[in-house]
N, C-alpha and C. Protein backbone atom coordinates (compact mmCIF):
# COMPACT_ATOMS: atom_id res chain seq x y z
N UNK A 1 -24.17 -25.37 -16.61
CA UNK A 1 -24.28 -25.06 -18.01
C UNK A 1 -25.48 -24.16 -18.27
N UNK A 2 -26.49 -24.20 -17.40
CA UNK A 2 -27.67 -23.36 -17.58
C UNK A 2 -27.30 -21.88 -17.60
N UNK A 3 -26.43 -21.47 -16.69
CA UNK A 3 -26.01 -20.07 -16.62
C UNK A 3 -25.33 -19.64 -17.92
N UNK A 4 -24.50 -20.49 -18.46
CA UNK A 4 -23.82 -20.18 -19.71
C UNK A 4 -24.83 -20.01 -20.84
N UNK A 5 -25.75 -20.95 -20.96
CA UNK A 5 -26.76 -20.89 -22.03
C UNK A 5 -27.62 -19.65 -21.87
N UNK A 6 -28.03 -19.34 -20.66
CA UNK A 6 -28.86 -18.17 -20.41
C UNK A 6 -28.09 -16.88 -20.69
N UNK A 7 -26.87 -16.80 -20.19
CA UNK A 7 -26.05 -15.61 -20.38
C UNK A 7 -25.75 -15.35 -21.85
N UNK A 8 -25.38 -16.38 -22.58
CA UNK A 8 -25.07 -16.17 -23.99
C UNK A 8 -26.32 -15.80 -24.78
N UNK A 9 -27.47 -16.32 -24.39
CA UNK A 9 -28.73 -15.95 -25.06
C UNK A 9 -29.05 -14.48 -24.83
N UNK A 10 -28.78 -13.99 -23.63
CA UNK A 10 -29.02 -12.57 -23.32
C UNK A 10 -28.10 -11.70 -24.16
N UNK A 11 -26.83 -12.07 -24.27
CA UNK A 11 -25.89 -11.31 -25.09
C UNK A 11 -26.32 -11.33 -26.56
N UNK A 12 -26.72 -12.49 -27.04
CA UNK A 12 -27.14 -12.61 -28.44
C UNK A 12 -28.36 -11.75 -28.71
N UNK A 13 -29.33 -11.81 -27.81
CA UNK A 13 -30.56 -11.03 -27.99
C UNK A 13 -30.27 -9.53 -28.01
N UNK A 14 -29.36 -9.08 -27.17
CA UNK A 14 -29.01 -7.66 -27.12
C UNK A 14 -28.33 -7.21 -28.41
N UNK A 15 -27.69 -8.14 -29.09
CA UNK A 15 -27.03 -7.90 -30.38
C UNK A 15 -25.99 -6.77 -30.30
N UNK A 16 -25.35 -6.65 -29.16
CA UNK A 16 -24.28 -5.66 -29.01
C UNK A 16 -22.92 -6.32 -28.83
N UNK A 17 -22.95 -7.61 -28.56
CA UNK A 17 -21.70 -8.36 -28.40
C UNK A 17 -21.66 -9.39 -29.52
N UNK A 18 -20.85 -9.12 -30.53
CA UNK A 18 -20.81 -9.98 -31.71
C UNK A 18 -20.04 -11.27 -31.53
N UNK A 19 -19.19 -11.29 -30.51
CA UNK A 19 -18.36 -12.47 -30.31
C UNK A 19 -18.11 -12.64 -28.81
N UNK A 20 -18.33 -13.85 -28.32
CA UNK A 20 -18.12 -14.17 -26.90
C UNK A 20 -17.18 -15.36 -26.83
N UNK A 21 -16.16 -15.24 -25.98
CA UNK A 21 -15.26 -16.37 -25.72
C UNK A 21 -15.53 -16.89 -24.33
N UNK A 22 -15.65 -18.21 -24.23
CA UNK A 22 -15.85 -18.85 -22.94
C UNK A 22 -14.69 -19.82 -22.72
N UNK A 23 -13.95 -19.62 -21.65
CA UNK A 23 -12.85 -20.52 -21.32
C UNK A 23 -13.41 -21.60 -20.40
N UNK A 24 -13.46 -22.80 -20.92
CA UNK A 24 -14.00 -23.94 -20.17
C UNK A 24 -12.82 -24.68 -19.53
N UNK A 25 -12.58 -24.36 -18.28
CA UNK A 25 -11.43 -24.92 -17.56
C UNK A 25 -11.56 -26.43 -17.40
N UNK A 26 -12.77 -26.91 -17.10
CA UNK A 26 -12.96 -28.35 -16.88
C UNK A 26 -12.61 -29.17 -18.11
N UNK A 27 -13.02 -28.69 -19.29
CA UNK A 27 -12.75 -29.42 -20.53
C UNK A 27 -11.46 -28.98 -21.21
N UNK A 28 -10.82 -27.92 -20.68
CA UNK A 28 -9.58 -27.39 -21.24
C UNK A 28 -9.75 -26.97 -22.70
N UNK A 29 -10.85 -26.24 -22.96
CA UNK A 29 -11.13 -25.73 -24.30
C UNK A 29 -11.57 -24.27 -24.21
N UNK A 30 -11.57 -23.62 -25.37
CA UNK A 30 -12.12 -22.28 -25.49
C UNK A 30 -13.28 -22.36 -26.49
N UNK A 31 -14.45 -21.93 -26.06
CA UNK A 31 -15.62 -21.92 -26.92
C UNK A 31 -15.82 -20.50 -27.43
N UNK A 32 -16.02 -20.36 -28.74
CA UNK A 32 -16.21 -19.05 -29.35
C UNK A 32 -17.62 -18.99 -29.95
N UNK A 33 -18.40 -18.02 -29.49
CA UNK A 33 -19.77 -17.82 -29.94
C UNK A 33 -19.80 -16.59 -30.84
N UNK A 34 -20.36 -16.74 -32.06
CA UNK A 34 -20.41 -15.64 -33.03
C UNK A 34 -21.77 -15.62 -33.73
N UNK A 35 -22.05 -14.54 -34.43
CA UNK A 35 -23.26 -14.33 -35.21
C UNK A 35 -24.52 -14.39 -34.33
N UNK A 36 -24.72 -13.36 -33.50
CA UNK A 36 -25.88 -13.35 -32.62
C UNK A 36 -27.20 -13.25 -33.37
N UNK A 37 -28.21 -13.95 -32.86
CA UNK A 37 -29.57 -13.85 -33.36
C UNK A 37 -30.46 -13.44 -32.19
N UNK A 38 -31.75 -13.52 -32.36
CA UNK A 38 -32.68 -13.12 -31.30
C UNK A 38 -32.53 -13.99 -30.06
N UNK A 39 -32.27 -15.27 -30.23
CA UNK A 39 -32.27 -16.17 -29.08
C UNK A 39 -30.93 -16.82 -28.75
N UNK A 40 -29.97 -16.76 -29.68
CA UNK A 40 -28.72 -17.48 -29.45
C UNK A 40 -27.67 -17.01 -30.45
N UNK A 41 -26.49 -17.58 -30.31
CA UNK A 41 -25.44 -17.38 -31.30
C UNK A 41 -25.52 -18.52 -32.31
N UNK A 42 -25.49 -18.19 -33.60
CA UNK A 42 -25.62 -19.19 -34.65
C UNK A 42 -24.35 -20.01 -34.84
N UNK A 43 -23.21 -19.41 -34.63
CA UNK A 43 -21.94 -20.07 -34.93
C UNK A 43 -21.18 -20.29 -33.63
N UNK A 44 -20.93 -21.56 -33.31
CA UNK A 44 -20.19 -21.92 -32.10
C UNK A 44 -19.03 -22.83 -32.50
N UNK A 45 -17.83 -22.46 -32.06
CA UNK A 45 -16.64 -23.27 -32.33
C UNK A 45 -15.97 -23.61 -31.01
N UNK A 46 -15.34 -24.77 -30.97
CA UNK A 46 -14.58 -25.19 -29.80
C UNK A 46 -13.14 -25.42 -30.22
N UNK A 47 -12.23 -24.82 -29.45
CA UNK A 47 -10.81 -24.92 -29.73
C UNK A 47 -10.11 -25.62 -28.56
N UNK A 48 -9.25 -26.56 -28.88
CA UNK A 48 -8.55 -27.34 -27.86
C UNK A 48 -7.06 -26.99 -27.83
N UNK A 49 -6.37 -27.59 -26.88
CA UNK A 49 -4.94 -27.40 -26.73
C UNK A 49 -4.23 -27.64 -28.06
N UNK A 50 -3.29 -26.76 -28.39
CA UNK A 50 -2.54 -26.86 -29.63
C UNK A 50 -3.15 -26.08 -30.79
N UNK A 51 -4.39 -25.62 -30.61
CA UNK A 51 -5.03 -24.84 -31.67
C UNK A 51 -4.90 -23.35 -31.38
N UNK A 52 -5.09 -22.55 -32.43
CA UNK A 52 -5.05 -21.09 -32.29
C UNK A 52 -6.36 -20.51 -32.79
N UNK A 53 -6.68 -19.33 -32.30
CA UNK A 53 -7.88 -18.63 -32.73
C UNK A 53 -7.59 -17.14 -32.79
N UNK A 54 -8.48 -16.40 -33.43
CA UNK A 54 -8.30 -14.96 -33.54
C UNK A 54 -9.61 -14.26 -33.27
N UNK A 55 -9.50 -13.03 -32.84
CA UNK A 55 -10.67 -12.19 -32.57
C UNK A 55 -11.16 -11.66 -33.90
N UNK A 56 -12.46 -11.69 -34.11
CA UNK A 56 -13.02 -11.21 -35.37
C UNK A 56 -12.59 -9.78 -35.69
N UNK A 57 -12.53 -8.93 -34.68
CA UNK A 57 -12.15 -7.52 -34.88
C UNK A 57 -10.68 -7.36 -35.25
N UNK A 58 -9.86 -8.35 -34.88
CA UNK A 58 -8.42 -8.29 -35.17
C UNK A 58 -7.97 -9.63 -35.77
N UNK A 59 -8.35 -9.93 -36.99
CA UNK A 59 -8.07 -11.26 -37.57
C UNK A 59 -6.59 -11.59 -37.74
N UNK A 60 -5.72 -10.59 -37.72
CA UNK A 60 -4.29 -10.85 -37.87
C UNK A 60 -3.63 -11.25 -36.55
N UNK A 61 -4.34 -11.13 -35.45
CA UNK A 61 -3.80 -11.49 -34.14
C UNK A 61 -4.25 -12.90 -33.79
N UNK A 62 -3.29 -13.81 -33.69
CA UNK A 62 -3.60 -15.20 -33.32
C UNK A 62 -3.21 -15.45 -31.87
N UNK A 63 -4.07 -16.16 -31.17
CA UNK A 63 -3.83 -16.50 -29.77
C UNK A 63 -4.00 -18.01 -29.63
N UNK A 64 -3.05 -18.65 -28.99
CA UNK A 64 -3.16 -20.10 -28.83
C UNK A 64 -3.98 -20.43 -27.58
N UNK A 65 -4.65 -21.54 -27.67
CA UNK A 65 -5.43 -22.02 -26.52
C UNK A 65 -4.49 -22.26 -25.34
N UNK A 66 -3.30 -22.74 -25.61
CA UNK A 66 -2.33 -22.97 -24.53
C UNK A 66 -2.00 -21.68 -23.78
N UNK A 67 -1.89 -20.57 -24.51
CA UNK A 67 -1.63 -19.27 -23.85
C UNK A 67 -2.82 -18.89 -22.95
N UNK A 68 -4.01 -19.08 -23.46
CA UNK A 68 -5.20 -18.73 -22.68
C UNK A 68 -5.30 -19.58 -21.42
N UNK A 69 -4.98 -20.87 -21.54
CA UNK A 69 -5.07 -21.78 -20.40
C UNK A 69 -3.84 -21.70 -19.48
N UNK A 70 -2.87 -20.88 -19.85
CA UNK A 70 -1.69 -20.70 -19.00
C UNK A 70 -0.70 -21.83 -19.07
N UNK A 71 -0.58 -22.45 -20.21
CA UNK A 71 0.36 -23.57 -20.37
C UNK A 71 1.65 -23.12 -20.99
């Protein structure tokens, strides 16, 4: 988990990646990090099987967690 926390902090600090998706295979969820600040992302959401999410840049496009996990 340290690598994830460190990596996302680097992306947030650079402020060039507004949204990061992390596919957590062990927990079978998709974590979405948004609103970068100097040290971290302010907004973190977790989506589980059966839920859908969309990319901020394309809000009309919905993707299900099941599709991402290959179910």
